[in-house]
């Protein structure tokens, strides 16, 4: 905010007797002080009175700041999900599936392991992952997905009638909905741990085929895709 003060000084010289000196409008403070000096030279100074009128005008100036809906920076990709916009970013590393969330939160405290609202989001980010690490073996290069097996489907195989593939898993990021983003590989999810003590509770996706596969929590994956809400910056 800028404060501009304009001061107008009006000096009136009024003779206390019948004689009156005309009022003068002074443009500058320099002229004001010149007049005071001139009056001081009069032998009858006490017959005069100096009246000073000060008028102050203030003008307020405001600055308008424009914000736009965007991602944290240009390394994120923004997707329009209708009622909100969602940002995604490939995160490469070497960590267990169950530790992927911690890795995403090193980018931003609100970042999570993302789910996929539809196939377009899935294919876009898998292509980005492939480009981010072109030396990786596409056949074995999987990204951790923000989804987990439902508790009621712990012991179910992909042929289950009560827990078929599109029902067995749910998105964990708190925003992704529906089943359009699930893209299973043939014969998946097979829940290879069924009959043992460890179940395949987590989910990975191939950067080559975009096909998903259920997996164990202690499997080391080379990366994940993080997600967060777009914000006004």
Protein backbone atom coordinates (compact mmCIF):
# COMPACT_ATOMS: atom_id res chain seq x y z
CA UNK A 1 0.00 0.00 0.00
CA UNK A 2 1.28 3.44 -0.96
CA UNK A 3 0.16 6.52 1.04
CA UNK A 4 0.29 9.78 -0.87
CA UNK A 5 -0.18 12.95 1.19
CA UNK A 6 -0.94 16.27 -0.52
CA UNK A 7 -0.75 19.39 1.68
CA UNK A 8 -2.21 22.75 0.70
CA UNK A 9 -1.10 25.66 2.87
CA UNK A 10 -3.15 28.82 3.01
CA UNK A 11 -1.65 31.75 4.83
CA UNK A 12 -3.95 34.66 5.58
CA UNK A 13 -2.60 37.92 6.85
CA UNK A 14 -5.29 39.80 8.66
CA UNK A 15 -4.67 43.22 10.10
CA UNK A 16 -6.37 43.59 13.43
CA UNK A 17 -7.26 47.20 12.57
CA UNK A 18 -9.50 48.33 9.73
CA UNK A 19 -6.73 47.78 7.12
CA UNK A 20 -6.57 44.23 5.64
CA UNK A 21 -3.73 42.59 3.74
CA UNK A 22 -5.13 40.34 0.92
CA UNK A 23 -5.06 36.61 1.43
CA UNK A 24 -2.26 34.82 -0.42
CA UNK A 25 -2.33 31.22 -1.65
CA UNK A 26 1.18 29.87 -1.45
CA UNK A 27 2.25 27.13 -3.87
CA UNK A 28 5.33 26.06 -1.99
CA UNK A 29 6.67 25.98 1.54
CA UNK A 30 9.53 28.14 0.28
CA UNK A 31 7.13 31.00 -0.43
CA UNK A 32 5.58 30.54 3.01
CA UNK A 33 8.86 31.01 4.81
CA UNK A 34 9.73 33.98 2.58
CA UNK A 35 6.50 35.69 3.65
CA UNK A 36 7.19 35.01 7.33
CA UNK A 37 10.61 36.60 6.93
CA UNK A 38 9.03 39.61 5.19
CA UNK A 39 6.50 40.09 7.99
CA UNK A 40 9.27 39.96 10.57
CA UNK A 41 10.71 43.12 9.05
CA UNK A 42 7.51 45.13 9.72
CA UNK A 43 7.70 47.62 12.60
CA UNK A 44 4.10 46.93 13.52
CA UNK A 45 4.30 43.10 13.54
CA UNK A 46 2.01 42.82 16.58
CA UNK A 47 -0.79 44.39 14.55
CA UNK A 48 -0.90 41.32 12.33
CA UNK A 49 -2.04 37.78 12.79
CA UNK A 50 -0.91 34.75 10.77
CA UNK A 51 -3.62 32.20 10.08
CA UNK A 52 -2.44 28.88 8.56
CA UNK A 53 -4.98 26.47 7.07
CA UNK A 54 -3.70 22.95 6.20
CA UNK A 55 -5.75 20.62 4.02
CA UNK A 56 -4.55 17.00 3.82
CA UNK A 57 -5.74 14.65 1.07
CA UNK A 58 -4.84 10.94 1.20
CA UNK A 59 -4.89 8.59 -1.76
CA UNK A 60 -4.72 4.84 -1.23
CA UNK A 61 -3.15 2.58 -3.86
CA UNK A 62 -3.71 -1.21 -3.80
CA UNK A 63 -1.85 -3.99 -5.60
CA UNK A 64 -3.80 -6.90 -7.14
CA UNK A 65 -2.11 -10.32 -7.02
CA UNK A 66 -3.25 -13.02 -9.47
CA UNK A 67 -2.97 -16.71 -8.50
CA UNK A 68 -3.43 -19.70 -10.79
CA UNK A 69 -4.27 -23.33 -10.11
CA UNK A 70 -1.12 -25.34 -10.71
CA UNK A 71 1.20 -28.06 -9.43
CA UNK A 72 4.13 -27.58 -7.07
CA UNK A 73 6.51 -27.06 -10.00
CA UNK A 74 6.97 -27.99 -13.65
CA UNK A 75 8.17 -31.54 -12.82
CA UNK A 76 4.59 -32.49 -11.90
CA UNK A 77 1.80 -33.31 -14.37
CA UNK A 78 -1.68 -31.97 -13.68
CA UNK A 79 -4.88 -33.88 -14.51
CA UNK A 80 -8.40 -32.45 -14.51
CA UNK A 81 -10.68 -34.69 -12.48
CA UNK A 82 -13.79 -32.57 -12.83
CA UNK A 83 -14.37 -31.25 -9.32
CA UNK A 84 -10.65 -30.87 -8.62
CA UNK A 85 -7.24 -31.08 -10.30
CA UNK A 86 -4.66 -33.71 -9.35
CA UNK A 87 -0.89 -33.51 -9.75
CA UNK A 88 1.40 -36.52 -10.32
CA UNK A 89 5.15 -37.00 -10.39
CA UNK A 90 7.38 -40.03 -10.99
CA UNK A 91 9.64 -40.75 -8.03
CA UNK A 92 12.58 -43.07 -8.70
CA UNK A 93 14.49 -44.87 -5.98
CA UNK A 94 14.97 -48.27 -4.40
CA UNK A 95 12.57 -49.07 -1.59
CA UNK A 96 10.04 -51.60 -0.38
CA UNK A 97 6.49 -51.26 -1.60
CA UNK A 98 5.18 -50.44 1.87
CA UNK A 99 7.68 -47.56 2.22
CA UNK A 100 6.57 -45.75 -0.95
CA UNK A 101 4.38 -43.29 0.98
CA UNK A 102 7.34 -42.09 3.05
CA UNK A 103 9.30 -41.49 -0.15
CA UNK A 104 6.51 -39.34 -1.64
CA UNK A 105 6.32 -37.21 1.48
CA UNK A 106 9.93 -36.14 0.98
CA UNK A 107 8.59 -34.16 -2.01
CA UNK A 108 5.77 -32.54 -0.05
CA UNK A 109 4.06 -33.32 3.25
CA UNK A 110 0.71 -33.68 1.48
CA UNK A 111 1.97 -36.01 -1.26
CA UNK A 112 0.76 -39.62 -1.36
CA UNK A 113 1.26 -42.70 -3.52
CA UNK A 114 -1.28 -42.03 -6.24
CA UNK A 115 -4.07 -44.07 -7.67
CA UNK A 116 -5.32 -43.66 -11.25
CA UNK A 117 -8.74 -42.28 -12.05
CA UNK A 118 -8.64 -43.67 -15.57
CA UNK A 119 -6.42 -45.35 -18.15
CA UNK A 120 -5.28 -42.01 -19.60
CA UNK A 121 -3.67 -41.05 -16.29
CA UNK A 122 -2.09 -44.49 -15.97
CA UNK A 123 -0.60 -44.56 -19.46
CA UNK A 124 0.68 -40.97 -19.22
CA UNK A 125 2.56 -41.58 -16.00
CA UNK A 126 3.95 -44.97 -17.03
CA UNK A 127 5.35 -43.34 -20.17
CA UNK A 128 6.86 -40.64 -17.97
CA UNK A 129 8.42 -43.31 -15.75
CA UNK A 130 9.92 -45.06 -18.75
CA UNK A 131 11.39 -41.78 -20.00
CA UNK A 132 12.73 -40.92 -16.55
CA UNK A 133 14.84 -44.09 -16.46
CA UNK A 134 15.42 -45.25 -20.05
CA UNK A 135 18.15 -47.70 -18.99
CA UNK A 136 15.80 -49.75 -16.80
CA UNK A 137 14.55 -53.11 -18.00
CA UNK A 138 10.91 -52.47 -18.98
CA UNK A 139 10.02 -56.11 -18.45
CA UNK A 140 10.84 -55.95 -14.74
CA UNK A 141 10.43 -52.21 -14.10
CA UNK A 142 7.33 -51.78 -11.93
CA UNK A 143 6.00 -48.70 -10.12
CA UNK A 144 4.23 -48.92 -6.77
CA UNK A 145 0.51 -48.07 -7.05
CA UNK A 146 -1.57 -46.36 -4.36
CA UNK A 147 -3.90 -49.32 -3.80
CA UNK A 148 -4.27 -52.21 -1.35
CA UNK A 149 -6.23 -55.42 -1.11
CA UNK A 150 -9.47 -55.18 0.82
CA UNK A 151 -9.42 -57.01 4.19
CA UNK A 152 -12.43 -59.11 3.20
CA UNK A 153 -10.55 -60.23 0.08
CA UNK A 154 -7.34 -61.31 1.83
CA UNK A 155 -7.55 -64.96 0.79
CA UNK A 156 -9.25 -64.48 -2.58
CA UNK A 157 -7.92 -65.44 -6.01
CA UNK A 158 -8.64 -63.43 -9.18
CA UNK A 159 -11.32 -65.96 -10.20
CA UNK A 160 -13.24 -65.29 -6.98
CA UNK A 161 -16.91 -64.46 -7.43
CA UNK A 162 -17.09 -62.44 -4.23
CA UNK A 163 -13.80 -60.54 -4.79
CA UNK A 164 -13.13 -60.26 -8.53
CA UNK A 165 -10.17 -58.11 -9.68
CA UNK A 166 -12.13 -54.85 -9.85
CA UNK A 167 -13.44 -55.36 -6.33
CA UNK A 168 -10.46 -56.94 -4.53
CA UNK A 169 -8.43 -53.70 -4.30
CA UNK A 170 -9.20 -50.11 -3.31
CA UNK A 171 -7.38 -46.81 -3.84
CA UNK A 172 -5.50 -45.48 -0.82
CA UNK A 173 -4.75 -41.86 -1.77
CA UNK A 174 -8.06 -40.56 -0.43
CA UNK A 175 -9.11 -38.96 -3.76
CA UNK A 176 -9.12 -41.52 -6.57
CA UNK A 177 -12.46 -43.29 -7.07
CA UNK A 178 -14.03 -45.93 -9.29
CA UNK A 179 -12.37 -48.81 -11.10
CA UNK A 180 -11.46 -47.29 -14.49
CA UNK A 181 -7.84 -46.90 -13.43
CA UNK A 182 -7.32 -50.60 -12.65
CA UNK A 183 -5.62 -52.35 -15.58
CA UNK A 184 -4.76 -55.93 -14.64
CA UNK A 185 -2.23 -58.14 -16.36
CA UNK A 186 -3.53 -61.51 -17.53
CA UNK A 187 -4.13 -63.84 -14.58
CA UNK A 188 -3.86 -61.06 -12.01
CA UNK A 189 -4.34 -60.45 -9.17
CA UNK A 190 -3.29 -63.99 -8.34
CA UNK A 191 -2.67 -63.51 -4.59
CA UNK A 192 0.32 -65.84 -4.73
CA UNK A 193 0.53 -65.93 -0.95
CA UNK A 194 -2.81 -67.68 -0.59
CA UNK A 195 -2.41 -70.82 1.47
CA UNK A 196 0.65 -69.40 3.23
CA UNK A 197 1.15 -66.84 5.98
CA UNK A 198 1.82 -63.82 3.73
CA UNK A 199 -0.69 -62.40 1.27
CA UNK A 200 -0.11 -60.13 -1.71
CA UNK A 201 -1.66 -57.01 -0.23
CA UNK A 202 0.03 -54.34 -2.37
CA UNK A 203 -0.04 -53.37 -6.01
CA UNK A 204 2.52 -52.56 -8.71
CA UNK A 205 2.21 -51.59 -12.35
CA UNK A 206 4.48 -52.31 -15.31
CA UNK A 207 5.91 -49.25 -17.06
CA UNK A 208 6.00 -51.27 -20.27
CA UNK A 209 2.55 -52.84 -20.51
CA UNK A 210 0.75 -50.63 -17.97
CA UNK A 211 -0.53 -53.91 -16.52
CA UNK A 212 -1.01 -54.25 -12.74
CA UNK A 213 0.12 -57.08 -10.51
CA UNK A 214 -0.44 -57.69 -6.80
CA UNK A 215 2.70 -58.05 -4.70
CA UNK A 216 4.19 -58.44 -1.22
CA UNK A 217 5.09 -55.55 1.04
CA UNK A 218 8.80 -56.38 1.23
CA UNK A 219 9.42 -56.39 -2.54
CA UNK A 220 12.00 -53.79 -3.65
CA UNK A 221 10.64 -51.59 -6.43
CA UNK A 222 12.57 -48.93 -8.40
CA UNK A 223 10.02 -46.19 -7.96
CA UNK A 224 6.48 -44.99 -7.59
CA UNK A 225 4.21 -42.18 -8.77
CA UNK A 226 3.31 -39.56 -6.16
CA UNK A 227 0.16 -37.47 -6.20
CA UNK A 228 -1.24 -34.36 -4.52
CA UNK A 229 -3.97 -31.79 -5.02
CA UNK A 230 -3.25 -28.87 -7.35
CA UNK A 231 -3.25 -25.57 -5.47
CA UNK A 232 -3.36 -21.84 -6.13
CA UNK A 233 0.15 -20.40 -6.22
